[in-house]
Every structure is written in structure tokens, then in C-alpha cells.
Amino acid sequence: MSFLHSTHMDLLERLTLHLKQDIALQAEDFKSGAGVLNQVGKRFIRMDERYVVPASMQEIVLFDIPKKGAGSRVNVRTTYAGTFEAVLLCTGADFVELRVNRAEEEEELVILIPFSRIVGIERARS
């Protein structure tokens, strides 16, 4: 059995589940603070009064996500942050959903990363 728990949901569908909740965005030379996800369209999302293309983001942080079931510990290699360890929660049609623990953050973060920013994922060695 594969360690990749997958869904047919795409990034925009996943974001729709998080409407009216806080998110933060990160792209090359761009970081937003936390803001409310107001709208998810066919190609764009609206966060506060900004419109952005989710696929252009390096990662999207979802706040106020309950700590859900266990996932697989993996090493993720991205085009923007090198390799880091995470818990793989889900793979969608065009994104991965991860739980990461970063030293600069107070708590674990749930992040969405478009496949265009992923180089590879492998099971972490114990």
C-alpha cells in the first residue's frame, strides 16, 4: 500500500473548504500576513482585497485546522526551500497537504504546496 493518501480534489476545491478562515501566502519575493480567504474562483482566490493565483504560490498556510489523524513522515524536496521533513496528510490532483513543524513557528502548520513547486517526496527513515 502506498504512503500517499490521495484525493481527486484540486487546490481550488481544497481552498473552498477553508472559506472565511485565515490563510497566509508565500511566493517568490512575496509573503502575506494572515488574512481571510474570501472567495475561490475558477483560477483565482481572493484573500482580503487581493486576488492571487494559487498555483503561483510556493505554499499556502491554513490556520485553525484541527490536528487530524496521523500521516506518513516524509522528506519533501521543493524548488524554494530545499528538503524538509513533514507529515504527509494528503495528495490532491495538483497539490500536497503537509503538517510541518518549523523552529521559527510556535505550533505546527498545515500547508498546501502546488505540485509545480515539488521536486520529490520520499518516506522518512526512522
N, C-alpha and C. Protein backbone atom coordinates (compact mmCIF):
# COMPACT_ATOMS: atom_id res chain seq x y z
N MET A 1 0.84 -1.19 0.00
CA MET A 1 0.00 0.00 0.00
C MET A 1 0.88 1.25 0.00
N SER A 2 0.50 2.21 -0.76
CA SER A 2 1.27 3.44 -0.88
C SER A 2 1.10 4.32 0.36
N PHE A 3 2.12 5.10 0.68
CA PHE A 3 2.03 6.04 1.80
C PHE A 3 1.34 7.33 1.36
N LEU A 4 1.01 7.46 0.08
CA LEU A 4 0.35 8.66 -0.44
C LEU A 4 -1.17 8.50 -0.32
N HIS A 5 -1.77 9.18 0.65
CA HIS A 5 -3.22 9.21 0.77
C HIS A 5 -3.71 10.25 -0.22
N SER A 6 -4.45 9.83 -1.25
CA SER A 6 -4.80 10.77 -2.31
C SER A 6 -6.30 11.03 -2.39
N THR A 7 -6.61 12.16 -2.99
CA THR A 7 -7.97 12.57 -3.25
C THR A 7 -8.01 13.15 -4.66
N HIS A 8 -9.18 13.19 -5.25
CA HIS A 8 -9.33 13.76 -6.59
C HIS A 8 -9.52 15.28 -6.53
N MET A 9 -9.56 15.83 -5.33
CA MET A 9 -9.76 17.26 -5.13
C MET A 9 -8.57 18.05 -5.67
N ASP A 10 -8.84 19.19 -6.32
CA ASP A 10 -7.74 20.05 -6.74
C ASP A 10 -7.53 21.16 -5.71
N LEU A 11 -6.52 21.98 -5.94
CA LEU A 11 -6.14 23.02 -4.97
C LEU A 11 -7.30 23.99 -4.70
N LEU A 12 -7.99 24.41 -5.74
CA LEU A 12 -9.10 25.36 -5.54
C LEU A 12 -10.24 24.72 -4.75
N GLU A 13 -10.53 23.46 -5.00
CA GLU A 13 -11.56 22.77 -4.23
C GLU A 13 -11.15 22.66 -2.77
N ARG A 14 -9.87 22.37 -2.52
CA ARG A 14 -9.39 22.28 -1.13
C ARG A 14 -9.50 23.62 -0.44
N LEU A 15 -9.16 24.69 -1.14
CA LEU A 15 -9.26 26.02 -0.55
C LEU A 15 -10.72 26.40 -0.27
N THR A 16 -11.63 25.94 -1.08
CA THR A 16 -13.06 26.22 -0.85
C THR A 16 -13.50 25.71 0.52
N LEU A 17 -12.92 24.63 0.97
CA LEU A 17 -13.25 24.09 2.30
C LEU A 17 -12.77 25.01 3.42
N HIS A 18 -11.94 25.97 3.10
CA HIS A 18 -11.34 26.86 4.10
C HIS A 18 -11.86 28.30 3.97
N LEU A 19 -12.94 28.52 3.23
CA LEU A 19 -13.51 29.86 3.06
C LEU A 19 -13.83 30.51 4.41
N LYS A 20 -13.63 31.83 4.47
CA LYS A 20 -13.91 32.67 5.65
C LYS A 20 -13.02 32.34 6.84
N GLN A 21 -11.91 31.66 6.57
CA GLN A 21 -10.92 31.37 7.60
C GLN A 21 -9.59 31.99 7.20
N ASP A 22 -8.68 32.06 8.14
CA ASP A 22 -7.38 32.70 7.88
C ASP A 22 -6.43 31.79 7.12
N ILE A 23 -5.70 32.42 6.20
CA ILE A 23 -4.62 31.77 5.47
C ILE A 23 -3.46 32.75 5.37
N ALA A 24 -2.30 32.26 4.99
CA ALA A 24 -1.15 33.11 4.66
C ALA A 24 -0.55 32.55 3.38
N LEU A 25 0.01 33.42 2.58
CA LEU A 25 0.55 33.04 1.28
C LEU A 25 2.03 33.33 1.20
N GLN A 26 2.75 32.47 0.48
CA GLN A 26 4.17 32.70 0.24
C GLN A 26 4.48 32.37 -1.21
N ALA A 27 5.13 33.32 -1.87
CA ALA A 27 5.61 33.12 -3.24
C ALA A 27 7.00 33.76 -3.32
N GLU A 28 7.64 33.64 -4.45
CA GLU A 28 8.96 34.25 -4.60
C GLU A 28 8.86 35.75 -4.41
N ASP A 29 9.65 36.29 -3.49
CA ASP A 29 9.67 37.71 -3.16
C ASP A 29 8.33 38.23 -2.65
N PHE A 30 7.52 37.36 -2.08
CA PHE A 30 6.21 37.78 -1.55
C PHE A 30 5.82 36.90 -0.38
N LYS A 31 5.45 37.55 0.72
CA LYS A 31 4.87 36.86 1.88
C LYS A 31 3.73 37.71 2.38
N SER A 32 2.59 37.12 2.55
CA SER A 32 1.47 37.86 3.13
C SER A 32 1.41 37.52 4.61
N GLY A 33 0.81 38.38 5.35
CA GLY A 33 0.47 38.02 6.72
C GLY A 33 -0.81 37.20 6.66
N ALA A 34 -1.33 36.87 7.81
CA ALA A 34 -2.60 36.14 7.85
C ALA A 34 -3.71 37.05 7.34
N GLY A 35 -4.60 36.46 6.57
CA GLY A 35 -5.76 37.19 6.06
C GLY A 35 -6.88 36.21 5.80
N VAL A 36 -8.07 36.73 5.65
CA VAL A 36 -9.25 35.89 5.48
C VAL A 36 -9.41 35.51 4.00
N LEU A 37 -9.62 34.23 3.76
CA LEU A 37 -9.91 33.74 2.42
C LEU A 37 -11.38 34.03 2.13
N ASN A 38 -11.62 34.98 1.23
CA ASN A 38 -12.98 35.44 0.96
C ASN A 38 -13.67 34.75 -0.21
N GLN A 39 -12.89 34.37 -1.22
CA GLN A 39 -13.52 33.84 -2.42
C GLN A 39 -12.56 32.91 -3.14
N VAL A 40 -13.10 31.86 -3.71
CA VAL A 40 -12.33 30.95 -4.54
C VAL A 40 -13.03 30.89 -5.89
N GLY A 41 -12.35 31.36 -6.93
CA GLY A 41 -12.90 31.35 -8.28
C GLY A 41 -12.31 30.22 -9.10
N LYS A 42 -12.53 30.25 -10.41
CA LYS A 42 -12.03 29.19 -11.27
C LYS A 42 -10.51 29.16 -11.36
N ARG A 43 -9.87 30.34 -11.27
CA ARG A 43 -8.41 30.40 -11.37
C ARG A 43 -7.77 31.25 -10.28
N PHE A 44 -8.55 32.05 -9.59
CA PHE A 44 -8.04 32.98 -8.61
C PHE A 44 -8.70 32.76 -7.26
N ILE A 45 -8.00 33.21 -6.22
CA ILE A 45 -8.63 33.30 -4.90
C ILE A 45 -8.54 34.76 -4.46
N ARG A 46 -9.46 35.15 -3.59
CA ARG A 46 -9.40 36.50 -3.03
C ARG A 46 -9.16 36.35 -1.54
N MET A 47 -8.06 36.96 -1.11
CA MET A 47 -7.70 37.00 0.30
C MET A 47 -7.73 38.46 0.70
N ASP A 48 -8.61 38.81 1.63
CA ASP A 48 -8.87 40.20 1.95
C ASP A 48 -9.24 40.92 0.65
N GLU A 49 -8.49 41.92 0.23
CA GLU A 49 -8.82 42.62 -1.01
C GLU A 49 -7.86 42.30 -2.14
N ARG A 50 -7.03 41.28 -1.99
CA ARG A 50 -6.07 40.88 -3.02
C ARG A 50 -6.58 39.66 -3.78
N TYR A 51 -6.30 39.64 -5.06
CA TYR A 51 -6.57 38.47 -5.88
C TYR A 51 -5.23 37.82 -6.21
N VAL A 52 -5.15 36.50 -6.03
CA VAL A 52 -3.91 35.79 -6.32
C VAL A 52 -4.22 34.50 -7.07
N VAL A 53 -3.20 34.01 -7.77
CA VAL A 53 -3.28 32.74 -8.48
C VAL A 53 -2.67 31.68 -7.57
N PRO A 54 -3.47 30.77 -7.03
CA PRO A 54 -2.93 29.80 -6.08
C PRO A 54 -1.77 28.96 -6.63
N ALA A 55 -1.82 28.60 -7.90
CA ALA A 55 -0.75 27.77 -8.47
C ALA A 55 0.58 28.51 -8.53
N SER A 56 0.57 29.85 -8.43
CA SER A 56 1.82 30.62 -8.44
C SER A 56 2.47 30.69 -7.06
N MET A 57 1.77 30.26 -6.04
CA MET A 57 2.28 30.31 -4.67
C MET A 57 3.28 29.18 -4.45
N GLN A 58 4.22 29.43 -3.57
CA GLN A 58 5.12 28.36 -3.14
C GLN A 58 4.41 27.52 -2.09
N GLU A 59 3.72 28.19 -1.18
CA GLU A 59 2.92 27.46 -0.21
C GLU A 59 1.80 28.34 0.31
N ILE A 60 0.74 27.68 0.75
CA ILE A 60 -0.41 28.34 1.35
C ILE A 60 -0.58 27.73 2.73
N VAL A 61 -0.53 28.58 3.76
CA VAL A 61 -0.67 28.12 5.14
C VAL A 61 -2.13 28.23 5.53
N LEU A 62 -2.68 27.15 6.06
CA LEU A 62 -4.06 27.13 6.54
C LEU A 62 -4.03 27.21 8.06
N PHE A 63 -4.70 28.20 8.62
CA PHE A 63 -4.75 28.34 10.07
C PHE A 63 -6.05 27.71 10.61
N ASP A 64 -6.05 27.44 11.89
CA ASP A 64 -7.22 26.89 12.59
C ASP A 64 -7.67 25.56 12.01
N ILE A 65 -6.71 24.72 11.70
CA ILE A 65 -7.02 23.36 11.23
C ILE A 65 -6.88 22.43 12.43
N PRO A 66 -7.92 21.66 12.73
CA PRO A 66 -7.79 20.71 13.83
C PRO A 66 -6.71 19.67 13.52
N LYS A 67 -6.01 19.27 14.53
CA LYS A 67 -4.96 18.26 14.35
C LYS A 67 -5.65 16.95 14.01
N LYS A 68 -5.64 16.62 12.71
CA LYS A 68 -6.32 15.40 12.31
C LYS A 68 -5.38 14.22 12.34
N GLY A 69 -5.90 13.07 11.99
CA GLY A 69 -5.19 11.81 12.07
C GLY A 69 -3.75 11.82 11.59
N ALA A 70 -3.11 10.75 11.89
CA ALA A 70 -1.69 10.61 11.56
C ALA A 70 -1.51 10.47 10.06
N GLY A 71 -0.39 10.93 9.61
CA GLY A 71 0.01 10.76 8.22
C GLY A 71 1.37 10.10 8.21
N SER A 72 1.94 10.00 7.05
CA SER A 72 3.28 9.41 6.91
C SER A 72 4.34 10.48 7.05
N ARG A 73 5.42 10.15 7.78
CA ARG A 73 6.55 11.07 7.87
C ARG A 73 7.33 10.96 6.57
N VAL A 74 7.56 12.12 5.97
CA VAL A 74 8.22 12.15 4.67
C VAL A 74 9.28 13.25 4.63
N ASN A 75 10.19 13.12 3.68
CA ASN A 75 11.11 14.19 3.34
C ASN A 75 10.61 14.78 2.03
N VAL A 76 10.41 16.08 2.03
CA VAL A 76 9.87 16.77 0.87
C VAL A 76 10.96 17.67 0.31
N ARG A 77 11.20 17.58 -0.99
CA ARG A 77 12.14 18.47 -1.66
C ARG A 77 11.33 19.41 -2.54
N THR A 78 11.54 20.73 -2.30
CA THR A 78 10.81 21.74 -3.06
C THR A 78 11.78 22.60 -3.86
N THR A 79 11.22 23.36 -4.79
CA THR A 79 12.04 24.27 -5.59
C THR A 79 12.45 25.51 -4.81
N TYR A 80 11.79 25.78 -3.68
CA TYR A 80 12.02 27.04 -2.95
C TYR A 80 12.63 26.87 -1.58
N ALA A 81 12.53 25.71 -0.96
CA ALA A 81 13.02 25.56 0.42
C ALA A 81 13.92 24.35 0.60
N GLY A 82 14.37 23.77 -0.48
CA GLY A 82 15.21 22.59 -0.33
C GLY A 82 14.42 21.42 0.23
N THR A 83 15.09 20.63 1.07
CA THR A 83 14.45 19.44 1.65
C THR A 83 14.11 19.69 3.11
N PHE A 84 12.91 19.27 3.50
CA PHE A 84 12.50 19.36 4.90
C PHE A 84 11.61 18.18 5.23
N GLU A 85 11.52 17.88 6.53
CA GLU A 85 10.68 16.79 7.00
C GLU A 85 9.29 17.31 7.30
N ALA A 86 8.29 16.48 7.01
CA ALA A 86 6.90 16.86 7.23
C ALA A 86 6.07 15.60 7.42
N VAL A 87 4.83 15.81 7.78
CA VAL A 87 3.86 14.72 7.81
C VAL A 87 2.95 14.92 6.61
N LEU A 88 2.91 13.93 5.75
CA LEU A 88 2.07 14.00 4.55
C LEU A 88 0.64 13.65 4.93
N LEU A 89 -0.25 14.63 4.84
CA LEU A 89 -1.63 14.42 5.19
C LEU A 89 -2.44 13.92 4.00
N CYS A 90 -2.15 14.48 2.81
CA CYS A 90 -2.95 14.15 1.65
C CYS A 90 -2.27 14.64 0.38
N THR A 91 -2.51 13.94 -0.73
CA THR A 91 -2.13 14.44 -2.04
C THR A 91 -3.41 14.65 -2.82
N GLY A 92 -3.50 15.80 -3.47
CA GLY A 92 -4.66 16.10 -4.30
C GLY A 92 -4.29 15.97 -5.76
N ALA A 93 -5.16 16.44 -6.62
CA ALA A 93 -4.93 16.37 -8.06
C ALA A 93 -3.73 17.22 -8.48
N ASP A 94 -3.49 18.34 -7.77
CA ASP A 94 -2.40 19.24 -8.15
C ASP A 94 -1.68 19.87 -6.97
N PHE A 95 -1.76 19.25 -5.79
CA PHE A 95 -1.13 19.79 -4.58
C PHE A 95 -0.86 18.68 -3.58
N VAL A 96 -0.04 19.00 -2.57
CA VAL A 96 0.12 18.15 -1.40
C VAL A 96 -0.26 18.96 -0.17
N GLU A 97 -0.79 18.28 0.82
CA GLU A 97 -1.14 18.90 2.11
C GLU A 97 -0.23 18.27 3.15
N LEU A 98 0.52 19.14 3.84
CA LEU A 98 1.52 18.70 4.80
C LEU A 98 1.32 19.36 6.15
N ARG A 99 1.78 18.69 7.20
CA ARG A 99 1.88 19.30 8.52
C ARG A 99 3.37 19.42 8.80
N VAL A 100 3.82 20.65 9.06
CA VAL A 100 5.24 20.89 9.29
C VAL A 100 5.45 21.54 10.64
N ASN A 101 6.60 21.27 11.21
CA ASN A 101 6.99 21.85 12.49
C ASN A 101 8.27 22.64 12.22
N ARG A 102 8.16 23.96 12.23
CA ARG A 102 9.31 24.82 11.95
C ARG A 102 9.77 25.50 13.22
N ALA A 103 11.07 25.62 13.36
CA ALA A 103 11.66 26.19 14.58
C ALA A 103 11.15 27.61 14.83
N GLU A 104 10.94 28.40 13.79
CA GLU A 104 10.52 29.80 13.97
C GLU A 104 9.03 29.95 14.28
N GLU A 105 8.27 28.88 14.22
CA GLU A 105 6.83 28.93 14.48
C GLU A 105 6.50 28.34 15.85
N GLU A 106 5.47 28.86 16.47
CA GLU A 106 5.06 28.38 17.79
C GLU A 106 4.38 27.03 17.74
N GLU A 107 3.69 26.74 16.65
CA GLU A 107 2.95 25.49 16.55
C GLU A 107 3.12 24.90 15.17
N GLU A 108 2.67 23.66 15.02
CA GLU A 108 2.73 23.02 13.71
C GLU A 108 1.83 23.76 12.73
N LEU A 109 2.24 23.79 11.48
CA LEU A 109 1.46 24.44 10.44
C LEU A 109 0.95 23.41 9.45
N VAL A 110 -0.24 23.65 8.93
CA VAL A 110 -0.75 22.85 7.82
C VAL A 110 -0.57 23.69 6.58
N ILE A 111 0.16 23.15 5.60
CA ILE A 111 0.45 23.90 4.38
C ILE A 111 0.02 23.11 3.15
N LEU A 112 -0.34 23.86 2.12
CA LEU A 112 -0.63 23.30 0.81
C LEU A 112 0.47 23.76 -0.12
N ILE A 113 1.03 22.83 -0.89
CA ILE A 113 2.08 23.18 -1.85
C ILE A 113 1.65 22.66 -3.22
N PRO A 114 1.57 23.54 -4.22
CA PRO A 114 1.25 23.07 -5.59
C PRO A 114 2.33 22.12 -6.09
N PHE A 115 1.92 21.14 -6.89
CA PHE A 115 2.88 20.18 -7.44
C PHE A 115 3.99 20.86 -8.23
N SER A 116 3.70 22.02 -8.81
CA SER A 116 4.73 22.71 -9.60
C SER A 116 5.92 23.14 -8.75
N ARG A 117 5.77 23.14 -7.42
CA ARG A 117 6.85 23.51 -6.50
C ARG A 117 7.50 22.30 -5.84
N ILE A 118 7.00 21.10 -6.13
CA ILE A 118 7.51 19.87 -5.53
C ILE A 118 8.49 19.20 -6.49
N VAL A 119 9.67 18.86 -5.97
CA VAL A 119 10.64 18.11 -6.76
C VAL A 119 10.47 16.62 -6.48
N GLY A 120 10.27 16.27 -5.21
CA GLY A 120 10.09 14.86 -4.85
C GLY A 120 9.69 14.69 -3.40
N ILE A 121 9.13 13.53 -3.12
CA ILE A 121 8.71 13.15 -1.76
C ILE A 121 9.16 11.71 -1.56
N GLU A 122 9.78 11.46 -0.39
CA GLU A 122 10.14 10.09 -0.05
C GLU A 122 9.86 9.84 1.41
N ARG A 123 9.57 8.62 1.72
CA ARG A 123 9.30 8.24 3.11
C ARG A 123 10.53 8.54 3.96
N ALA A 124 10.32 9.17 5.11
CA ALA A 124 11.44 9.49 6.01
C ALA A 124 11.92 8.21 6.69
N ARG A 125 13.20 8.14 6.89
CA ARG A 125 13.78 6.98 7.60
C ARG A 125 13.67 7.23 9.09
N SER A 126 13.34 6.18 9.80
CA SER A 126 13.16 6.30 11.25
C SER A 126 14.46 6.37 11.98
